[in-house]
N, C-alpha and C. Protein backbone atom coordinates (compact mmCIF):
# COMPACT_ATOMS: atom_id res chain seq x y z
N MET A 1 60.76 122.05 99.38
CA MET A 1 62.11 122.01 99.90
C MET A 1 62.62 120.57 99.80
N ALA A 2 63.78 120.42 99.19
CA ALA A 2 64.37 119.09 98.98
C ALA A 2 65.07 118.62 100.24
N VAL A 3 64.93 117.34 100.51
CA VAL A 3 65.60 116.75 101.67
C VAL A 3 67.04 116.44 101.27
N LYS A 4 67.96 116.94 102.07
CA LYS A 4 69.37 116.74 101.79
C LYS A 4 69.80 115.34 102.24
N GLU A 5 70.53 114.65 101.38
CA GLU A 5 71.01 113.30 101.69
C GLU A 5 72.16 113.40 102.69
N SER A 6 72.14 112.57 103.72
CA SER A 6 73.21 112.61 104.73
C SER A 6 74.49 111.99 104.17
N SER A 7 75.59 112.44 104.73
CA SER A 7 76.88 111.90 104.28
C SER A 7 77.06 110.44 104.68
N ALA A 8 76.39 110.01 105.74
CA ALA A 8 76.50 108.62 106.19
C ALA A 8 75.92 107.65 105.17
N SER A 9 74.94 108.09 104.40
CA SER A 9 74.34 107.19 103.42
C SER A 9 75.27 106.91 102.25
N LYS A 10 76.31 107.73 102.10
CA LYS A 10 77.28 107.55 101.01
C LYS A 10 78.36 106.54 101.36
N ILE A 11 78.48 106.18 102.61
CA ILE A 11 79.53 105.25 103.05
C ILE A 11 79.12 103.83 102.70
N LYS A 12 79.98 103.16 102.01
CA LYS A 12 79.75 101.76 101.63
C LYS A 12 80.75 100.89 102.37
N PHE A 13 80.27 99.95 103.15
CA PHE A 13 81.15 99.02 103.87
C PHE A 13 81.27 97.76 103.05
N LYS A 14 82.49 97.38 102.74
CA LYS A 14 82.72 96.25 101.84
C LYS A 14 82.99 94.94 102.57
N GLY A 15 82.93 94.92 103.87
CA GLY A 15 83.13 93.68 104.61
C GLY A 15 84.28 93.77 105.59
N VAL A 16 84.52 92.67 106.27
CA VAL A 16 85.54 92.61 107.30
C VAL A 16 86.93 92.84 106.71
N ASP A 17 87.18 92.34 105.52
CA ASP A 17 88.49 92.52 104.88
C ASP A 17 88.81 94.00 104.69
N ALA A 18 87.82 94.78 104.29
CA ALA A 18 88.03 96.21 104.10
C ALA A 18 88.28 96.89 105.45
N LEU A 19 87.63 96.43 106.49
CA LEU A 19 87.82 96.99 107.82
C LEU A 19 89.26 96.83 108.30
N PHE A 20 89.87 95.71 108.00
CA PHE A 20 91.25 95.46 108.40
C PHE A 20 92.26 95.87 107.33
N GLY A 21 91.79 96.50 106.27
CA GLY A 21 92.69 97.01 105.23
C GLY A 21 93.30 95.92 104.38
N LEU A 22 92.60 94.84 104.18
CA LEU A 22 93.13 93.73 103.39
C LEU A 22 92.48 93.71 102.02
N SER A 23 93.26 93.49 101.01
CA SER A 23 92.70 93.36 99.68
C SER A 23 92.51 91.88 99.36
N GLU A 24 91.65 91.60 98.44
CA GLU A 24 91.36 90.21 98.10
C GLU A 24 92.58 89.49 97.53
N GLU A 25 93.47 90.25 96.85
CA GLU A 25 94.64 89.62 96.25
C GLU A 25 95.66 89.22 97.32
N GLN A 26 95.76 90.01 98.41
CA GLN A 26 96.78 89.76 99.41
C GLN A 26 96.35 88.68 100.39
N GLU A 27 95.58 89.08 101.33
CA GLU A 27 95.16 88.18 102.39
C GLU A 27 93.75 88.56 102.79
N CYS A 28 93.05 87.66 103.41
CA CYS A 28 91.68 87.96 103.79
C CYS A 28 91.32 87.20 105.06
N VAL A 29 90.22 87.63 105.65
CA VAL A 29 89.73 86.96 106.86
C VAL A 29 88.86 85.79 106.41
N ARG A 30 89.20 84.61 106.91
CA ARG A 30 88.44 83.40 106.55
C ARG A 30 88.00 82.69 107.82
N GLU A 31 86.91 81.99 107.71
CA GLU A 31 86.46 81.12 108.80
C GLU A 31 87.16 79.78 108.62
N ILE A 32 88.11 79.49 109.50
CA ILE A 32 88.91 78.28 109.40
C ILE A 32 88.46 77.30 110.48
N PRO A 33 88.26 76.03 110.12
CA PRO A 33 87.93 75.03 111.15
C PRO A 33 89.04 74.94 112.20
N LEU A 34 88.66 74.84 113.46
CA LEU A 34 89.64 74.78 114.55
C LEU A 34 90.58 73.60 114.41
N ASP A 35 90.10 72.51 113.82
CA ASP A 35 90.92 71.32 113.66
C ASP A 35 92.03 71.51 112.64
N GLU A 36 91.93 72.54 111.79
CA GLU A 36 92.96 72.81 110.79
C GLU A 36 94.03 73.77 111.30
N LEU A 37 93.88 74.27 112.53
CA LEU A 37 94.81 75.24 113.10
C LEU A 37 95.77 74.55 114.06
N ASP A 38 97.02 74.49 113.68
CA ASP A 38 98.07 73.91 114.51
C ASP A 38 98.65 75.00 115.41
N THR A 39 99.18 74.65 116.55
CA THR A 39 99.79 75.60 117.46
C THR A 39 101.16 76.03 116.94
N PHE A 40 101.48 77.29 117.11
CA PHE A 40 102.78 77.82 116.70
C PHE A 40 103.87 77.13 117.49
N LYS A 41 104.92 76.68 116.79
CA LYS A 41 105.99 75.94 117.47
C LYS A 41 106.70 76.85 118.48
N ASN A 42 107.05 76.29 119.60
CA ASN A 42 107.73 77.01 120.70
C ASN A 42 106.92 78.19 121.22
N HIS A 43 105.61 78.11 121.14
CA HIS A 43 104.77 79.20 121.64
C HIS A 43 104.98 79.34 123.15
N PRO A 44 105.53 80.49 123.61
CA PRO A 44 105.93 80.59 125.01
C PRO A 44 104.80 80.94 125.97
N PHE A 45 103.66 81.34 125.45
CA PHE A 45 102.58 81.81 126.31
C PHE A 45 101.59 80.69 126.59
N LYS A 46 101.32 80.47 127.86
CA LYS A 46 100.40 79.41 128.28
C LYS A 46 98.97 79.93 128.22
N VAL A 47 98.04 79.04 127.92
CA VAL A 47 96.62 79.37 127.90
C VAL A 47 96.01 78.79 129.17
N PHE A 48 95.55 79.69 130.06
CA PHE A 48 94.98 79.28 131.33
C PHE A 48 93.48 79.54 131.34
N ARG A 49 92.76 78.73 132.11
CA ARG A 49 91.33 78.96 132.34
C ARG A 49 91.21 79.81 133.60
N ASP A 50 91.43 81.13 133.44
CA ASP A 50 91.37 82.06 134.56
C ASP A 50 90.22 83.04 134.35
N ASP A 51 90.18 84.10 135.16
CA ASP A 51 89.10 85.08 135.06
C ASP A 51 89.08 85.76 133.69
N LYS A 52 90.25 86.08 133.16
CA LYS A 52 90.33 86.72 131.84
C LYS A 52 89.80 85.79 130.75
N MET A 53 90.09 84.51 130.86
CA MET A 53 89.58 83.56 129.88
C MET A 53 88.06 83.44 129.99
N GLU A 54 87.54 83.46 131.22
CA GLU A 54 86.09 83.41 131.41
C GLU A 54 85.43 84.62 130.76
N GLU A 55 86.06 85.79 130.89
CA GLU A 55 85.54 87.00 130.25
C GLU A 55 85.56 86.86 128.73
N MET A 56 86.63 86.29 128.21
CA MET A 56 86.72 86.11 126.76
C MET A 56 85.66 85.14 126.26
N ILE A 57 85.47 84.05 126.98
CA ILE A 57 84.45 83.06 126.59
C ILE A 57 83.07 83.71 126.60
N GLU A 58 82.80 84.50 127.62
CA GLU A 58 81.51 85.19 127.71
C GLU A 58 81.34 86.19 126.56
N SER A 59 82.39 86.92 126.25
CA SER A 59 82.34 87.90 125.17
C SER A 59 82.11 87.22 123.82
N ILE A 60 82.84 86.14 123.56
CA ILE A 60 82.69 85.43 122.29
C ILE A 60 81.31 84.81 122.18
N SER A 61 80.76 84.31 123.29
CA SER A 61 79.43 83.72 123.22
C SER A 61 78.38 84.78 122.93
N GLU A 62 78.61 86.01 123.38
CA GLU A 62 77.64 87.08 123.17
C GLU A 62 77.81 87.79 121.83
N TYR A 63 79.07 88.10 121.46
CA TYR A 63 79.32 88.92 120.28
C TYR A 63 80.05 88.18 119.15
N GLY A 64 80.59 87.02 119.41
CA GLY A 64 81.41 86.34 118.43
C GLY A 64 82.86 86.79 118.56
N VAL A 65 83.73 86.25 117.74
CA VAL A 65 85.14 86.63 117.76
C VAL A 65 85.25 87.98 117.04
N LEU A 66 85.62 89.02 117.78
CA LEU A 66 85.67 90.37 117.23
C LEU A 66 86.97 90.65 116.49
N VAL A 67 88.07 90.05 116.94
CA VAL A 67 89.37 90.26 116.31
C VAL A 67 89.87 88.91 115.79
N PRO A 68 90.09 88.81 114.49
CA PRO A 68 90.52 87.51 113.95
C PRO A 68 91.95 87.17 114.39
N GLY A 69 92.24 85.90 114.42
CA GLY A 69 93.60 85.45 114.69
C GLY A 69 94.43 85.61 113.42
N ILE A 70 95.71 85.30 113.53
CA ILE A 70 96.60 85.35 112.37
C ILE A 70 97.25 83.97 112.25
N ALA A 71 97.20 83.42 111.05
CA ALA A 71 97.80 82.11 110.80
C ALA A 71 98.61 82.17 109.51
N ARG A 72 99.42 81.15 109.33
CA ARG A 72 100.19 81.02 108.08
C ARG A 72 100.05 79.59 107.61
N PRO A 73 100.28 79.37 106.33
CA PRO A 73 100.22 77.99 105.84
C PRO A 73 101.24 77.13 106.59
N SER A 74 100.83 75.94 106.96
CA SER A 74 101.67 75.06 107.78
C SER A 74 102.73 74.37 106.94
N ASN A 75 103.91 74.23 107.51
CA ASN A 75 104.99 73.49 106.85
C ASN A 75 105.04 72.04 107.29
N SER A 76 104.35 71.73 108.39
CA SER A 76 104.44 70.39 108.96
C SER A 76 103.69 69.35 108.16
N GLY A 77 102.64 69.76 107.47
CA GLY A 77 101.87 68.81 106.69
C GLY A 77 100.78 68.13 107.48
N GLU A 78 100.82 68.24 108.81
CA GLU A 78 99.79 67.61 109.64
C GLU A 78 98.47 68.37 109.54
N LYS A 79 98.55 69.69 109.66
CA LYS A 79 97.36 70.53 109.58
C LYS A 79 97.59 71.58 108.50
N ASP A 80 96.51 72.23 108.09
CA ASP A 80 96.60 73.17 106.97
C ASP A 80 97.27 74.49 107.36
N TYR A 81 97.04 74.95 108.59
CA TYR A 81 97.54 76.26 109.00
C TYR A 81 98.21 76.19 110.37
N GLU A 82 99.15 77.09 110.59
CA GLU A 82 99.81 77.22 111.88
C GLU A 82 99.34 78.54 112.48
N LEU A 83 98.69 78.48 113.63
CA LEU A 83 98.15 79.66 114.29
C LEU A 83 99.29 80.44 114.94
N VAL A 84 99.51 81.67 114.50
CA VAL A 84 100.58 82.51 115.03
C VAL A 84 100.04 83.36 116.18
N VAL A 85 98.87 83.95 115.99
CA VAL A 85 98.24 84.81 116.98
C VAL A 85 96.80 84.36 117.16
N GLY A 86 96.35 84.18 118.40
CA GLY A 86 94.95 83.84 118.65
C GLY A 86 94.74 82.52 119.36
N HIS A 87 95.73 82.05 120.09
CA HIS A 87 95.60 80.77 120.80
C HIS A 87 94.52 80.82 121.88
N ARG A 88 94.40 81.95 122.57
CA ARG A 88 93.37 82.08 123.61
C ARG A 88 91.98 82.12 122.98
N ARG A 89 91.86 82.79 121.84
CA ARG A 89 90.57 82.83 121.13
C ARG A 89 90.19 81.44 120.64
N LYS A 90 91.18 80.68 120.16
CA LYS A 90 90.91 79.32 119.71
C LYS A 90 90.41 78.46 120.88
N TYR A 91 91.06 78.61 122.03
CA TYR A 91 90.65 77.87 123.22
C TYR A 91 89.21 78.23 123.59
N ALA A 92 88.90 79.53 123.59
CA ALA A 92 87.56 79.97 123.95
C ALA A 92 86.52 79.45 122.95
N CYS A 93 86.84 79.45 121.68
CA CYS A 93 85.92 78.93 120.66
C CYS A 93 85.67 77.45 120.88
N ARG A 94 86.73 76.71 121.18
CA ARG A 94 86.60 75.28 121.42
C ARG A 94 85.73 75.02 122.66
N GLU A 95 85.91 75.83 123.71
CA GLU A 95 85.10 75.67 124.93
C GLU A 95 83.63 75.94 124.66
N LEU A 96 83.34 76.83 123.72
CA LEU A 96 81.96 77.15 123.38
C LEU A 96 81.36 76.17 122.39
N GLY A 97 82.16 75.25 121.89
CA GLY A 97 81.67 74.28 120.93
C GLY A 97 81.61 74.79 119.51
N LEU A 98 82.29 75.91 119.24
CA LEU A 98 82.33 76.44 117.88
C LEU A 98 83.26 75.57 117.04
N LYS A 99 82.97 75.47 115.78
CA LYS A 99 83.77 74.64 114.88
C LYS A 99 84.79 75.45 114.09
N THR A 100 84.54 76.77 113.91
CA THR A 100 85.42 77.61 113.12
C THR A 100 85.78 78.88 113.89
N MET A 101 86.77 79.58 113.36
CA MET A 101 87.23 80.83 113.96
C MET A 101 87.71 81.74 112.83
N PRO A 102 87.43 83.06 112.90
CA PRO A 102 87.94 83.95 111.86
C PRO A 102 89.46 84.13 111.99
N VAL A 103 90.15 83.97 110.87
CA VAL A 103 91.61 84.02 110.88
C VAL A 103 92.08 84.75 109.62
N ILE A 104 93.10 85.59 109.78
CA ILE A 104 93.78 86.20 108.64
C ILE A 104 94.90 85.25 108.25
N ILE A 105 94.90 84.83 107.00
CA ILE A 105 95.95 83.94 106.50
C ILE A 105 97.03 84.82 105.88
N ARG A 106 98.24 84.70 106.40
CA ARG A 106 99.34 85.55 105.95
C ARG A 106 100.56 84.67 105.71
N ASP A 107 101.22 84.89 104.59
CA ASP A 107 102.43 84.15 104.27
C ASP A 107 103.60 84.80 105.02
N MET A 108 104.22 84.07 105.95
CA MET A 108 105.31 84.62 106.77
C MET A 108 106.41 83.59 106.94
N SER A 109 107.63 84.10 107.07
CA SER A 109 108.75 83.23 107.40
C SER A 109 108.68 82.91 108.89
N ASP A 110 109.53 82.00 109.35
CA ASP A 110 109.58 81.67 110.78
C ASP A 110 109.90 82.90 111.62
N ASP A 111 110.88 83.69 111.16
CA ASP A 111 111.29 84.87 111.92
C ASP A 111 110.19 85.93 111.95
N GLU A 112 109.54 86.17 110.83
CA GLU A 112 108.44 87.14 110.80
C GLU A 112 107.30 86.69 111.70
N ALA A 113 106.97 85.41 111.67
CA ALA A 113 105.90 84.89 112.51
C ALA A 113 106.25 85.02 113.99
N THR A 114 107.51 84.79 114.34
CA THR A 114 107.94 84.93 115.74
C THR A 114 107.77 86.36 116.21
N VAL A 115 108.19 87.32 115.41
CA VAL A 115 108.08 88.73 115.81
C VAL A 115 106.61 89.12 115.96
N VAL A 116 105.75 88.71 115.03
CA VAL A 116 104.31 89.02 115.13
C VAL A 116 103.71 88.38 116.37
N MET A 117 104.07 87.13 116.65
CA MET A 117 103.53 86.43 117.81
C MET A 117 103.92 87.11 119.11
N VAL A 118 105.19 87.48 119.24
CA VAL A 118 105.66 88.12 120.46
C VAL A 118 105.02 89.50 120.62
N ASP A 119 105.03 90.29 119.57
CA ASP A 119 104.49 91.65 119.65
C ASP A 119 103.00 91.67 119.97
N SER A 120 102.27 90.70 119.52
CA SER A 120 100.82 90.69 119.77
C SER A 120 100.47 90.15 121.16
N ASN A 121 101.39 89.49 121.82
CA ASN A 121 101.09 88.91 123.13
C ASN A 121 101.78 89.59 124.30
N ILE A 122 102.85 90.32 124.06
CA ILE A 122 103.70 90.80 125.15
C ILE A 122 103.00 91.87 126.00
N GLN A 123 101.98 92.52 125.49
CA GLN A 123 101.30 93.58 126.23
C GLN A 123 100.28 93.04 127.23
N ARG A 124 100.03 91.74 127.20
CA ARG A 124 99.04 91.18 128.13
C ARG A 124 99.47 91.39 129.57
N GLU A 125 98.50 91.54 130.45
CA GLU A 125 98.77 91.90 131.84
C GLU A 125 99.37 90.78 132.68
N ASN A 126 98.81 89.62 132.60
CA ASN A 126 99.17 88.54 133.52
C ASN A 126 100.14 87.54 132.91
N LEU A 127 101.25 88.02 132.42
CA LEU A 127 102.25 87.11 131.88
C LEU A 127 103.27 86.77 132.95
N LEU A 128 103.72 85.55 132.93
CA LEU A 128 104.80 85.16 133.83
C LEU A 128 106.10 85.78 133.36
N TYR A 129 107.00 86.06 134.28
CA TYR A 129 108.30 86.63 133.90
C TYR A 129 109.06 85.68 132.99
N SER A 130 108.92 84.39 133.24
CA SER A 130 109.61 83.42 132.39
C SER A 130 109.06 83.44 130.97
N GLU A 131 107.74 83.64 130.81
CA GLU A 131 107.15 83.73 129.48
C GLU A 131 107.66 84.97 128.75
N LYS A 132 107.69 86.10 129.46
CA LYS A 132 108.19 87.33 128.84
C LYS A 132 109.65 87.19 128.42
N ALA A 133 110.46 86.63 129.31
CA ALA A 133 111.88 86.48 129.01
C ALA A 133 112.09 85.57 127.80
N PHE A 134 111.39 84.45 127.77
CA PHE A 134 111.53 83.53 126.64
C PHE A 134 111.05 84.17 125.35
N ALA A 135 109.95 84.93 125.42
CA ALA A 135 109.40 85.59 124.24
C ALA A 135 110.36 86.66 123.71
N TYR A 136 110.91 87.46 124.61
CA TYR A 136 111.86 88.48 124.17
C TYR A 136 113.12 87.85 123.56
N ARG A 137 113.54 86.73 124.12
CA ARG A 137 114.70 86.04 123.55
C ARG A 137 114.39 85.52 122.16
N MET A 138 113.19 84.95 121.97
CA MET A 138 112.77 84.47 120.66
C MET A 138 112.77 85.62 119.65
N LYS A 139 112.21 86.76 120.07
CA LYS A 139 112.15 87.92 119.17
C LYS A 139 113.56 88.41 118.84
N TYR A 140 114.41 88.48 119.84
CA TYR A 140 115.79 88.93 119.63
C TYR A 140 116.50 88.04 118.61
N GLU A 141 116.38 86.72 118.78
CA GLU A 141 117.02 85.78 117.87
C GLU A 141 116.46 85.92 116.45
N ALA A 142 115.15 86.12 116.34
CA ALA A 142 114.53 86.28 115.02
C ALA A 142 115.01 87.55 114.35
N LEU A 143 115.08 88.64 115.10
CA LEU A 143 115.54 89.90 114.54
C LEU A 143 117.02 89.84 114.18
N LYS A 144 117.79 89.11 114.96
CA LYS A 144 119.22 88.97 114.70
C LYS A 144 119.46 88.24 113.38
N ARG A 145 118.60 87.26 113.07
CA ARG A 145 118.74 86.50 111.83
C ARG A 145 118.31 87.30 110.61
N GLN A 146 117.41 88.24 110.79
CA GLN A 146 116.96 89.03 109.65
C GLN A 146 118.10 89.92 109.17
N GLY A 147 118.29 89.95 107.90
CA GLY A 147 119.34 90.78 107.33
C GLY A 147 120.70 90.12 107.28
N ARG A 148 120.81 88.92 107.82
CA ARG A 148 122.09 88.20 107.76
C ARG A 148 122.35 87.74 106.34
N ARG A 149 123.55 87.93 105.88
CA ARG A 149 123.90 87.52 104.52
C ARG A 149 124.06 86.01 104.47
N THR A 150 123.44 85.41 103.47
CA THR A 150 123.54 83.97 103.30
C THR A 150 124.34 83.59 102.07
N ASP A 151 124.89 84.59 101.36
CA ASP A 151 125.62 84.29 100.15
C ASP A 151 127.13 84.19 100.37
N LEU A 152 127.54 84.17 101.61
CA LEU A 152 128.96 84.11 101.92
C LEU A 152 129.35 82.71 102.41
N THR A 153 130.59 82.35 102.18
CA THR A 153 131.13 81.10 102.70
C THR A 153 132.40 81.40 103.45
N LEU A 154 133.00 80.39 104.02
CA LEU A 154 134.26 80.59 104.72
C LEU A 154 135.41 80.81 103.74
N VAL A 155 135.27 80.30 102.51
CA VAL A 155 136.30 80.50 101.50
C VAL A 155 136.14 81.92 100.97
N GLN A 156 137.18 82.72 101.07
CA GLN A 156 137.04 84.13 100.73
C GLN A 156 137.04 84.41 99.24
N VAL A 157 137.65 83.57 98.45
CA VAL A 157 137.79 83.87 97.03
C VAL A 157 136.75 83.16 96.16
N GLU A 158 135.97 82.27 96.70
CA GLU A 158 135.03 81.50 95.89
C GLU A 158 133.60 81.73 96.40
N PRO A 159 132.72 82.27 95.54
CA PRO A 159 131.34 82.48 95.99
C PRO A 159 130.61 81.16 96.20
N LYS A 160 129.62 81.20 97.04
CA LYS A 160 128.88 80.01 97.43
C LYS A 160 128.02 79.45 96.30
N LEU A 161 127.51 80.29 95.44
CA LEU A 161 126.50 79.87 94.48
C LEU A 161 127.06 79.58 93.10
N LYS A 162 128.10 78.81 93.00
CA LYS A 162 128.66 78.43 91.69
C LYS A 162 127.86 77.27 91.12
N LYS A 163 127.71 77.30 89.81
CA LYS A 163 127.03 76.21 89.11
C LYS A 163 127.99 75.05 88.93
N ASP A 164 127.44 73.84 88.75
CA ASP A 164 128.28 72.66 88.55
C ASP A 164 129.18 72.81 87.33
N GLY A 165 128.64 73.40 86.26
CA GLY A 165 129.42 73.60 85.04
C GLY A 165 130.62 74.49 85.30
N GLN A 166 130.43 75.53 86.10
CA GLN A 166 131.53 76.43 86.42
C GLN A 166 132.60 75.70 87.23
N LEU A 167 132.17 74.86 88.13
CA LEU A 167 133.12 74.12 88.97
C LEU A 167 133.94 73.16 88.11
N ARG A 168 133.27 72.47 87.16
CA ARG A 168 134.00 71.56 86.27
C ARG A 168 134.99 72.33 85.42
N TRP A 169 134.56 73.49 84.93
CA TRP A 169 135.44 74.32 84.11
C TRP A 169 136.65 74.77 84.90
N LEU A 170 136.46 75.16 86.16
CA LEU A 170 137.58 75.57 87.01
C LEU A 170 138.52 74.40 87.29
N ALA A 171 137.94 73.22 87.50
CA ALA A 171 138.76 72.03 87.77
C ALA A 171 139.60 71.68 86.55
N GLN A 172 138.98 71.72 85.37
CA GLN A 172 139.72 71.43 84.14
C GLN A 172 140.81 72.45 83.89
N LYS A 173 140.52 73.71 84.16
CA LYS A 173 141.49 74.78 83.96
C LYS A 173 142.68 74.60 84.88
N SER A 174 142.43 74.23 86.14
CA SER A 174 143.53 74.05 87.09
C SER A 174 144.38 72.81 86.73
N GLU A 175 143.75 71.76 86.12
CA GLU A 175 144.47 70.56 85.71
C GLU A 175 145.42 70.88 84.55
N ARG A 176 144.99 71.77 83.65
CA ARG A 176 145.81 72.14 82.49
C ARG A 176 147.05 72.94 82.91
N GLN A 177 146.96 73.63 84.00
CA GLN A 177 148.08 74.50 84.40
C GLN A 177 149.13 73.78 85.12
């Protein structure tokens, strides 16, 4: 009688990137040095050393960072990446003396990063009302800017994106008339 192969033996796990549905071409989870992670500008949520932080530190010391943070390439030039999500995890890693942290590197605009940052933090239990209010306002402003047309000017008959040659041609044409 032949032993039947279990279906579990057919499952191939390709790594953390596959677990989070990331392809190698798009984005991936990388171990980034903590010193290369800059704080997200205007980050409204404070990082406190409270009971929840103690639990996180204990969890990371026992199991490691289970959920990677999210960062984007930095525009400031001071550090390589700007941490959008994962400030508490970064704090806990630093307290444990870790040098790196798993992070998903994602290319995002300021508005996209703001929405991701607010959505990933707003569900936390112990947020101050002022933090929630500021975060919701940031998200509202970011969403309001999305979809805004940038190809319009105050002049109704002249489009904004004229080439210099076209402008010279129009000027010469108006001089001839």
